[in-house]
Amino acid sequence: MSIKVIIAGFKGKMGQAAYKMVTEDPELTLVGLLDPFTAEKEVAGVPVFNAKEELTGLQADVWIDFTTPKVAYENTRFALENSFAPVVGTTGFTHDQIEELTELSRQKGLGGLIAPNFALGAVLLMQFAAQAAKYFPDVEIIELHHDNKKDAPSGTAIKTAELISHVRTSKQQGAADEEESLAGARGAMFDGMRIHSVRLPGLVAHQEVIFGSQGEGLTLRHDSYDRISFMTGVNLGIKEVVKRSELVYGLEHLL
C-alpha cells in the first residue's frame, strides 16, 4: 500500500530533492505541496497550498518538512495534530520543543522523526565522534555550510556535541586565562567544548570533529557534496515513521 506524502517547503533546494525522490519511488504517493510564496496551484496534478491550515482534512500519512527554523516547530505540531507523521529536516528546534513534540506524538500514537542530518555518513560521523570522545576528551567542532543557511551552529554540530557530552567528563578547554582580542574568535561554547560555524557560497554541508591529545590528534570529517546525499535518509524516515508510535530525534534511532 502506497504511503501518502505531503512536502512542506517544496520550492527550496532540499524540498526539490525530496520532491524528486518521492515522485520516483513507486511505494510513495505525493498528495500535497506547501509553500507560502508560490502562485502555483498544482504541480504535475498535485495540489499546492499556501497555508498549512488548508491541508486540514487531507488524507496523508507523512509530512516532510524542509522549511525554515522560524516555522518548523509550528509545522511539526500541526502535522501531529492532524495525524500526519512528521519527517523533519529543518533545524533550530530547542530541547523543550523536541520534548513537547515527542510527548504529543505519544498522545497521538504517531511516529515521527526530527533529524539534524539525513546523510548516513553524517550519522556515522556523530557515532564515531561519541566513541572517540571516551578516549580524547579535548575536542572542537567545525561545521561548514552554504551561505544561505539561517541558523548557526548547525543542528548536526549541536547533536554531535550532545552525543560527545554524554560520554566525556565535562571540562573547560583552552587556557584558563585565555582572552579573545576579537569577540567570538574561540567560537560558541557547549559543555566546555567549542563549535565554529563557517558560511560560504559553494559549500553544501560539511563537518569536522577535531580531537587533540598529548603528541597526537584525530580528525573525523564528513562531506555532503550534493543534496541527493540526504535522500536515502529521508526515504528511510518516511517508511519507518509509519510503523512507529513515537517521534524520535536523530536518524540513528531508525537505523
C-alpha atoms as a PDB file:
ATOM      1  CA  MET A   1       0.000   0.000   0.000  1.00  0.00           C
ATOM      2  CA  SER A   2       1.415   3.368  -1.047  1.00  0.00           C
ATOM      3  CA  ILE A   3       2.433   5.911   1.619  1.00  0.00           C
ATOM      4  CA  LYS A   4       0.770   9.295   1.028  1.00  0.00           C
ATOM      5  CA  VAL A   5       3.177  12.199   1.452  1.00  0.00           C
ATOM      6  CA  ILE A   6       2.975  15.985   1.908  1.00  0.00           C
ATOM      7  CA  ILE A   7       6.087  18.139   1.322  1.00  0.00           C
ATOM      8  CA  ALA A   8       6.312  21.469   3.152  1.00  0.00           C
ATOM      9  CA  GLY A   9       8.885  23.839   1.700  1.00  0.00           C
ATOM     10  CA  PHE A  10       8.921  22.067  -1.652  1.00  0.00           C
ATOM     11  CA  LYS A  11      10.308  25.089  -3.545  1.00  0.00           C
ATOM     12  CA  GLY A  12      13.595  25.099  -1.619  1.00  0.00           C
ATOM     13  CA  LYS A  13      16.642  23.102  -2.675  1.00  0.00           C
ATOM     14  CA  MET A  14      16.027  20.344  -0.125  1.00  0.00           C
ATOM     15  CA  GLY A  15      12.305  20.385  -0.910  1.00  0.00           C
ATOM     16  CA  GLN A  16      13.036  19.947  -4.602  1.00  0.00           C
ATOM     17  CA  ALA A  17      15.342  16.998  -3.881  1.00  0.00           C
ATOM     18  CA  ALA A  18      12.598  15.459  -1.714  1.00  0.00           C
ATOM     19  CA  TYR A  19      10.019  16.059  -4.467  1.00  0.00           C
ATOM     20  CA  LYS A  20      12.178  14.178  -6.986  1.00  0.00           C
ATOM     21  CA  MET A  21      12.802  11.306  -4.562  1.00  0.00           C
ATOM     22  CA  VAL A  22       9.116  10.887  -3.645  1.00  0.00           C
ATOM     23  CA  THR A  23       7.839  11.063  -7.224  1.00  0.00           C
ATOM     24  CA  GLU A  24      10.390   8.471  -8.358  1.00  0.00           C
ATOM     25  CA  ASP A  25       9.549   5.925  -5.617  1.00  0.00           C
ATOM     26  CA  PRO A  26       6.615   3.660  -6.553  1.00  0.00           C
ATOM     27  CA  GLU A  27       5.950   2.993  -2.844  1.00  0.00           C
ATOM     28  CA  LEU A  28       5.235   6.703  -2.207  1.00  0.00           C
ATOM     29  CA  THR A  29       2.425   8.945  -3.453  1.00  0.00           C
ATOM     30  CA  LEU A  30       2.665  12.734  -3.329  1.00  0.00           C
ATOM     31  CA  VAL A  31      -0.703  14.204  -2.284  1.00  0.00           C
ATOM     32  CA  GLY A  32       0.099  17.801  -1.311  1.00  0.00           C
ATOM     33  CA  LEU A  33       2.730  20.540  -1.546  1.00  0.00           C
ATOM     34  CA  LEU A  34       3.080  23.529   0.771  1.00  0.00           C
ATOM     35  CA  ASP A  35       4.869  26.803   0.082  1.00  0.00           C
ATOM     36  CA  PRO A  36       3.606  30.197   1.281  1.00  0.00           C
ATOM     37  CA  PHE A  37       5.234  32.176  -1.517  1.00  0.00           C
ATOM     38  CA  THR A  38       4.334  30.306  -4.709  1.00  0.00           C
ATOM     39  CA  ALA A  39       1.485  31.278  -7.031  1.00  0.00           C
ATOM     40  CA  GLU A  40       1.270  27.749  -8.452  1.00  0.00           C
ATOM     41  CA  LYS A  41      -1.959  25.902  -7.721  1.00  0.00           C
ATOM     42  CA  GLU A  42      -0.728  22.459  -8.717  1.00  0.00           C
ATOM     43  CA  VAL A  43       2.406  20.693  -9.915  1.00  0.00           C
ATOM     44  CA  ALA A  44       2.023  17.619 -12.121  1.00  0.00           C
ATOM     45  CA  GLY A  45      -1.516  17.144 -10.801  1.00  0.00           C
ATOM     46  CA  VAL A  46      -0.543  17.546  -7.128  1.00  0.00           C
ATOM     47  CA  PRO A  47      -2.336  20.428  -5.320  1.00  0.00           C
ATOM     48  CA  VAL A  48      -0.206  23.276  -3.964  1.00  0.00           C
ATOM     49  CA  PHE A  49      -1.195  25.121  -0.769  1.00  0.00           C
ATOM     50  CA  ASN A  50      -0.011  28.466   0.586  1.00  0.00           C
ATOM     51  CA  ALA A  51      -1.054  27.938   4.230  1.00  0.00           C
ATOM     52  CA  LYS A  52      -0.792  24.798   6.322  1.00  0.00           C
ATOM     53  CA  GLU A  53      -4.357  25.231   7.577  1.00  0.00           C
ATOM     54  CA  GLU A  54      -5.568  24.462   4.043  1.00  0.00           C
ATOM     55  CA  LEU A  55      -4.187  20.927   4.470  1.00  0.00           C
ATOM     56  CA  THR A  56      -6.523  20.089   7.370  1.00  0.00           C
ATOM     57  CA  GLY A  57      -8.523  17.023   6.452  1.00  0.00           C
ATOM     58  CA  LEU A  58      -6.221  15.947   3.602  1.00  0.00           C
ATOM     59  CA  GLN A  59      -5.717  12.180   3.519  1.00  0.00           C
ATOM     60  CA  ALA A  60      -1.980  11.776   4.077  1.00  0.00           C
ATOM     61  CA  ASP A  61       0.375   9.605   6.119  1.00  0.00           C
ATOM     62  CA  VAL A  62       3.633  11.568   6.274  1.00  0.00           C
ATOM     63  CA  TRP A  63       4.563  15.272   6.436  1.00  0.00           C
ATOM     64  CA  ILE A  64       8.050  16.081   5.099  1.00  0.00           C
ATOM     65  CA  ASP A  65       9.326  19.450   6.358  1.00  0.00           C
ATOM     66  CA  PHE A  66      12.190  21.360   4.774  1.00  0.00           C
ATOM     67  CA  THR A  67      11.067  24.886   5.647  1.00  0.00           C
ATOM     68  CA  THR A  68      12.758  27.418   7.970  1.00  0.00           C
ATOM     69  CA  PRO A  69      13.593  27.338  11.695  1.00  0.00           C
ATOM     70  CA  LYS A  70      11.013  30.087  12.269  1.00  0.00           C
ATOM     71  CA  VAL A  71       8.053  27.883  11.280  1.00  0.00           C
ATOM     72  CA  ALA A  72       9.342  24.316  11.745  1.00  0.00           C
ATOM     73  CA  TYR A  73       8.036  23.870  15.297  1.00  0.00           C
ATOM     74  CA  GLU A  74       4.515  25.066  14.443  1.00  0.00           C
ATOM     75  CA  ASN A  75       4.526  22.971  11.263  1.00  0.00           C
ATOM     76  CA  THR A  76       5.544  19.833  13.148  1.00  0.00           C
ATOM     77  CA  ARG A  77       2.908  20.407  15.827  1.00  0.00           C
ATOM     78  CA  PHE A  78       0.300  20.968  13.089  1.00  0.00           C
ATOM     79  CA  ALA A  79       1.343  17.721  11.379  1.00  0.00           C
ATOM     80  CA  LEU A  80       0.970  15.694  14.586  1.00  0.00           C
ATOM     81  CA  GLU A  81      -2.356  17.328  15.449  1.00  0.00           C
ATOM     82  CA  ASN A  82      -3.647  16.331  12.006  1.00  0.00           C
ATOM     83  CA  SER A  83      -2.319  12.755  12.202  1.00  0.00           C
ATOM     84  CA  PHE A  84       0.497  13.246   9.686  1.00  0.00           C
ATOM     85  CA  ALA A  85       3.707  11.540  10.847  1.00  0.00           C
ATOM     86  CA  PRO A  86       6.394  14.249  10.534  1.00  0.00           C
ATOM     87  CA  VAL A  87       9.790  13.712   8.902  1.00  0.00           C
ATOM     88  CA  VAL A  88      11.593  16.970   9.616  1.00  0.00           C
ATOM     89  CA  GLY A  89      14.961  18.098   8.290  1.00  0.00           C
ATOM     90  CA  THR A  90      14.574  21.730   9.300  1.00  0.00           C
ATOM     91  CA  THR A  91      16.867  22.580  12.234  1.00  0.00           C
ATOM     92  CA  GLY A  92      16.666  25.142  15.032  1.00  0.00           C
ATOM     93  CA  PHE A  93      14.438  23.239  17.495  1.00  0.00           C
ATOM     94  CA  THR A  94      15.050  23.796  21.202  1.00  0.00           C
ATOM     95  CA  HIS A  95      15.327  20.883  23.632  1.00  0.00           C
ATOM     96  CA  ASP A  96      11.985  21.855  25.186  1.00  0.00           C
ATOM     97  CA  GLN A  97      10.271  21.951  21.793  1.00  0.00           C
ATOM     98  CA  ILE A  98      11.525  18.460  20.952  1.00  0.00           C
ATOM     99  CA  GLU A  99      10.285  17.203  24.323  1.00  0.00           C
ATOM    100  CA  GLU A 100       6.848  18.788  23.746  1.00  0.00           C
ATOM    101  CA  LEU A 101       6.535  17.303  20.261  1.00  0.00           C
ATOM    102  CA  THR A 102       7.659  13.868  21.453  1.00  0.00           C
ATOM    103  CA  GLU A 103       5.005  13.910  24.184  1.00  0.00           C
ATOM    104  CA  LEU A 104       2.343  14.991  21.679  1.00  0.00           C
ATOM    105  CA  SER A 105       3.366  12.169  19.345  1.00  0.00           C
ATOM    106  CA  ARG A 106       2.941   9.677  22.208  1.00  0.00           C
ATOM    107  CA  GLN A 107      -0.532  11.021  22.929  1.00  0.00           C
ATOM    108  CA  LYS A 108      -1.464  10.684  19.259  1.00  0.00           C
ATOM    109  CA  GLY A 109       0.237   7.303  18.850  1.00  0.00           C
ATOM    110  CA  LEU A 110       2.144   8.659  15.848  1.00  0.00           C
ATOM    111  CA  GLY A 111       5.684   8.034  14.708  1.00  0.00           C
ATOM    112  CA  GLY A 112       7.906  10.909  13.661  1.00  0.00           C
ATOM    113  CA  LEU A 113      11.473  11.952  13.030  1.00  0.00           C
ATOM    114  CA  ILE A 114      13.374  15.191  13.542  1.00  0.00           C
ATOM    115  CA  ALA A 115      16.837  14.717  12.056  1.00  0.00           C
ATOM    116  CA  PRO A 116      19.616  17.320  12.177  1.00  0.00           C
ATOM    117  CA  ASN A 117      21.144  15.462   9.230  1.00  0.00           C
ATOM    118  CA  PHE A 118      19.753  12.799   6.892  1.00  0.00           C
ATOM    119  CA  ALA A 119      23.087  11.804   5.333  1.00  0.00           C
ATOM    120  CA  LEU A 120      24.089   8.345   6.535  1.00  0.00           C
ATOM    121  CA  GLY A 121      27.740   9.407   6.613  1.00  0.00           C
ATOM    122  CA  ALA A 122      26.905  12.302   8.929  1.00  0.00           C
ATOM    123  CA  VAL A 123      25.047   9.954  11.279  1.00  0.00           C
ATOM    124  CA  LEU A 124      28.076   7.640  11.312  1.00  0.00           C
ATOM    125  CA  LEU A 125      30.390  10.613  11.982  1.00  0.00           C
ATOM    126  CA  MET A 126      28.330  11.513  15.060  1.00  0.00           C
ATOM    127  CA  GLN A 127      28.503   7.938  16.329  1.00  0.00           C
ATOM    128  CA  PHE A 128      32.270   7.678  15.694  1.00  0.00           C
ATOM    129  CA  ALA A 129      32.829  11.036  17.435  1.00  0.00           C
ATOM    130  CA  ALA A 130      30.998   9.816  20.537  1.00  0.00           C
ATOM    131  CA  GLN A 131      33.193   6.709  20.579  1.00  0.00           C
ATOM    132  CA  ALA A 132      36.404   8.716  20.179  1.00  0.00           C
ATOM    133  CA  ALA A 133      35.460  11.229  22.891  1.00  0.00           C
ATOM    134  CA  LYS A 134      35.741   8.490  25.530  1.00  0.00           C
ATOM    135  CA  TYR A 135      39.485   8.473  24.859  1.00  0.00           C
ATOM    136  CA  PHE A 136      40.025  12.017  23.526  1.00  0.00           C
ATOM    137  CA  PRO A 137      38.027  14.406  25.756  1.00  0.00           C
ATOM    138  CA  ASP A 138      39.612  17.527  24.221  1.00  0.00           C
ATOM    139  CA  VAL A 139      37.595  18.271  21.099  1.00  0.00           C
ATOM    140  CA  GLU A 140      36.420  21.113  18.877  1.00  0.00           C
ATOM    141  CA  ILE A 141      33.810  21.013  16.108  1.00  0.00           C
ATOM    142  CA  ILE A 142      33.933  22.939  12.839  1.00  0.00           C
ATOM    143  CA  GLU A 143      30.785  22.901  10.717  1.00  0.00           C
ATOM    144  CA  LEU A 144      30.748  24.376   7.218  1.00  0.00           C
ATOM    145  CA  HIS A 145      27.595  25.196   5.229  1.00  0.00           C
ATOM    146  CA  HIS A 146      26.350  27.248   2.294  1.00  0.00           C
ATOM    147  CA  ASP A 147      25.882  30.950   2.924  1.00  0.00           C
ATOM    148  CA  ASN A 148      22.063  30.789   2.819  1.00  0.00           C
ATOM    149  CA  LYS A 149      21.791  28.660   5.956  1.00  0.00           C
ATOM    150  CA  LYS A 150      19.892  30.687   8.540  1.00  0.00           C
ATOM    151  CA  ASP A 151      20.845  29.049  11.860  1.00  0.00           C
ATOM    152  CA  ALA A 152      24.258  28.662  13.470  1.00  0.00           C
ATOM    153  CA  PRO A 153      25.645  26.432  14.729  1.00  0.00           C
ATOM    154  CA  SER A 154      24.100  23.673  12.649  1.00  0.00           C
ATOM    155  CA  GLY A 155      21.757  21.118  14.171  1.00  0.00           C
ATOM    156  CA  THR A 156      24.297  18.426  13.276  1.00  0.00           C
ATOM    157  CA  ALA A 157      27.046  20.198  15.245  1.00  0.00           C
ATOM    158  CA  ILE A 158      24.800  20.605  18.284  1.00  0.00           C
ATOM    159  CA  LYS A 159      23.697  16.958  18.088  1.00  0.00           C
ATOM    160  CA  THR A 160      27.353  15.886  17.798  1.00  0.00           C
ATOM    161  CA  ALA A 161      28.276  17.971  20.843  1.00  0.00           C
ATOM    162  CA  GLU A 162      25.351  16.490  22.794  1.00  0.00           C
ATOM    163  CA  LEU A 163      26.454  12.927  21.996  1.00  0.00           C
ATOM    164  CA  ILE A 164      30.031  13.738  22.995  1.00  0.00           C
ATOM    165  CA  SER A 165      28.929  15.388  26.254  1.00  0.00           C
ATOM    166  CA  HIS A 166      27.101  12.195  27.264  1.00  0.00           C
ATOM    167  CA  VAL A 167      30.320  10.149  27.283  1.00  0.00           C
ATOM    168  CA  ARG A 168      33.100  12.517  28.328  1.00  0.00           C
ATOM    169  CA  THR A 169      33.767  14.235  31.632  1.00  0.00           C
ATOM    170  CA  SER A 170      32.750  17.864  31.279  1.00  0.00           C
ATOM    171  CA  LYS A 171      35.799  20.098  31.080  1.00  0.00           C
ATOM    172  CA  GLN A 172      36.642  23.679  30.200  1.00  0.00           C
ATOM    173  CA  GLN A 173      39.008  23.593  27.230  1.00  0.00           C
ATOM    174  CA  GLY A 174      41.763  26.049  26.408  1.00  0.00           C
ATOM    175  CA  ALA A 175      43.927  28.114  28.739  1.00  0.00           C
ATOM    176  CA  ALA A 176      42.203  29.143  31.947  1.00  0.00           C
ATOM    177  CA  ASP A 177      43.237  32.757  31.348  1.00  0.00           C
ATOM    178  CA  GLU A 178      42.691  32.906  27.555  1.00  0.00           C
ATOM    179  CA  GLU A 179      41.261  36.151  26.192  1.00  0.00           C
ATOM    180  CA  GLU A 180      39.568  36.935  22.885  1.00  0.00           C
ATOM    181  CA  SER A 181      41.009  40.036  21.231  1.00  0.00           C
ATOM    182  CA  LEU A 182      38.080  39.746  18.792  1.00  0.00           C
ATOM    183  CA  ALA A 183      34.730  38.658  20.272  1.00  0.00           C
ATOM    184  CA  GLY A 184      33.707  35.214  19.060  1.00  0.00           C
ATOM    185  CA  ALA A 185      37.183  34.177  17.964  1.00  0.00           C
ATOM    186  CA  ARG A 186      37.016  30.977  20.007  1.00  0.00           C
ATOM    187  CA  GLY A 187      33.569  30.017  18.726  1.00  0.00           C
ATOM    188  CA  ALA A 188      30.432  29.032  20.591  1.00  0.00           C
ATOM    189  CA  MET A 189      30.657  27.187  23.901  1.00  0.00           C
ATOM    190  CA  PHE A 190      28.909  23.862  24.531  1.00  0.00           C
ATOM    191  CA  ASP A 191      29.725  21.984  27.737  1.00  0.00           C
ATOM    192  CA  GLY A 192      33.296  23.292  27.671  1.00  0.00           C
ATOM    193  CA  MET A 193      33.980  22.420  24.020  1.00  0.00           C
ATOM    194  CA  ARG A 194      33.959  24.900  21.136  1.00  0.00           C
ATOM    195  CA  ILE A 195      31.842  24.903  17.960  1.00  0.00           C
ATOM    196  CA  HIS A 196      32.849  27.007  14.953  1.00  0.00           C
ATOM    197  CA  SER A 197      30.486  27.842  12.048  1.00  0.00           C
ATOM    198  CA  VAL A 198      31.671  28.609   8.516  1.00  0.00           C
ATOM    199  CA  ARG A 199      29.258  30.024   5.890  1.00  0.00           C
ATOM    200  CA  LEU A 200      30.483  30.261   2.293  1.00  0.00           C
ATOM    201  CA  PRO A 201      28.974  30.010  -1.193  1.00  0.00           C
ATOM    202  CA  GLY A 202      29.797  26.731  -2.915  1.00  0.00           C
ATOM    203  CA  LEU A 203      29.541  24.636   0.246  1.00  0.00           C
ATOM    204  CA  VAL A 204      26.643  22.245   0.920  1.00  0.00           C
ATOM    205  CA  ALA A 205      27.080  20.587   4.349  1.00  0.00           C
ATOM    206  CA  HIS A 206      30.375  19.576   5.950  1.00  0.00           C
ATOM    207  CA  GLN A 207      31.653  18.883   9.450  1.00  0.00           C
ATOM    208  CA  GLU A 208      34.982  18.206  11.136  1.00  0.00           C
ATOM    209  CA  VAL A 209      35.400  16.927  14.674  1.00  0.00           C
ATOM    210  CA  ILE A 210      38.980  17.512  15.808  1.00  0.00           C
ATOM    211  CA  PHE A 211      40.407  15.698  18.843  1.00  0.00           C
ATOM    212  CA  GLY A 212      43.728  16.534  20.475  1.00  0.00           C
ATOM    213  CA  SER A 213      45.880  14.686  22.985  1.00  0.00           C
ATOM    214  CA  GLN A 214      49.496  14.537  24.064  1.00  0.00           C
ATOM    215  CA  GLY A 215      51.583  14.216  20.886  1.00  0.00           C
ATOM    216  CA  GLU A 216      48.695  13.181  18.607  1.00  0.00           C
ATOM    217  CA  GLY A 217      45.472  14.274  17.011  1.00  0.00           C
ATOM    218  CA  LEU A 218      42.456  12.669  15.394  1.00  0.00           C
ATOM    219  CA  THR A 219      40.207  14.353  12.820  1.00  0.00           C
ATOM    220  CA  LEU A 220      36.858  12.968  11.671  1.00  0.00           C
ATOM    221  CA  ARG A 221      35.215  14.645   8.667  1.00  0.00           C
ATOM    222  CA  HIS A 222      32.060  14.201   6.638  1.00  0.00           C
ATOM    223  CA  ASP A 223      31.166  15.993   3.397  1.00  0.00           C
ATOM    224  CA  SER A 224      27.844  16.238   1.591  1.00  0.00           C
ATOM    225  CA  TYR A 225      28.684  17.477  -1.907  1.00  0.00           C
ATOM    226  CA  ASP A 226      25.126  17.197  -3.204  1.00  0.00           C
ATOM    227  CA  ARG A 227      21.708  17.270  -1.534  1.00  0.00           C
ATOM    228  CA  ILE A 228      20.972  13.860  -3.007  1.00  0.00           C
ATOM    229  CA  SER A 229      23.129  12.547  -0.131  1.00  0.00           C
ATOM    230  CA  PHE A 230      20.242  13.305   2.252  1.00  0.00           C
ATOM    231  CA  MET A 231      17.532  11.491   0.312  1.00  0.00           C
ATOM    232  CA  THR A 232      18.439   7.940   1.369  1.00  0.00           C
ATOM    233  CA  GLY A 233      17.823   9.013   4.967  1.00  0.00           C
ATOM    234  CA  VAL A 234      14.606  10.873   4.115  1.00  0.00           C
ATOM    235  CA  ASN A 235      13.264   7.826   2.255  1.00  0.00           C
ATOM    236  CA  LEU A 236      14.162   5.574   5.187  1.00  0.00           C
ATOM    237  CA  GLY A 237      12.484   8.020   7.585  1.00  0.00           C
ATOM    238  CA  ILE A 238       9.233   8.071   5.602  1.00  0.00           C
ATOM    239  CA  LYS A 239       8.997   4.291   5.535  1.00  0.00           C
ATOM    240  CA  GLU A 240       9.891   3.869   9.203  1.00  0.00           C
ATOM    241  CA  VAL A 241       7.765   6.543  10.913  1.00  0.00           C
ATOM    242  CA  VAL A 242       4.528   4.994   9.615  1.00  0.00           C
ATOM    243  CA  LYS A 243       5.400   1.829  11.591  1.00  0.00           C
ATOM    244  CA  ARG A 244       6.054   3.640  14.869  1.00  0.00           C
ATOM    245  CA  SER A 245       4.115   5.375  17.625  1.00  0.00           C
ATOM    246  CA  GLU A 246       6.579   7.972  18.928  1.00  0.00           C
ATOM    247  CA  LEU A 247       8.698  10.769  17.495  1.00  0.00           C
ATOM    248  CA  VAL A 248      12.487  10.389  17.713  1.00  0.00           C
ATOM    249  CA  TYR A 249      15.298  12.941  17.411  1.00  0.00           C
ATOM    250  CA  GLY A 250      18.091  11.668  15.173  1.00  0.00           C
ATOM    251  CA  LEU A 251      18.147   9.283  12.232  1.00  0.00           C
ATOM    252  CA  GLU A 252      20.324   6.844  14.198  1.00  0.00           C
ATOM    253  CA  HIS A 253      17.210   5.753  16.131  1.00  0.00           C
ATOM    254  CA  LEU A 254      15.740   4.321  12.920  1.00  0.00           C
ATOM    255  CA  LEU A 255      18.878   2.572  11.643  1.00  0.00           C
END
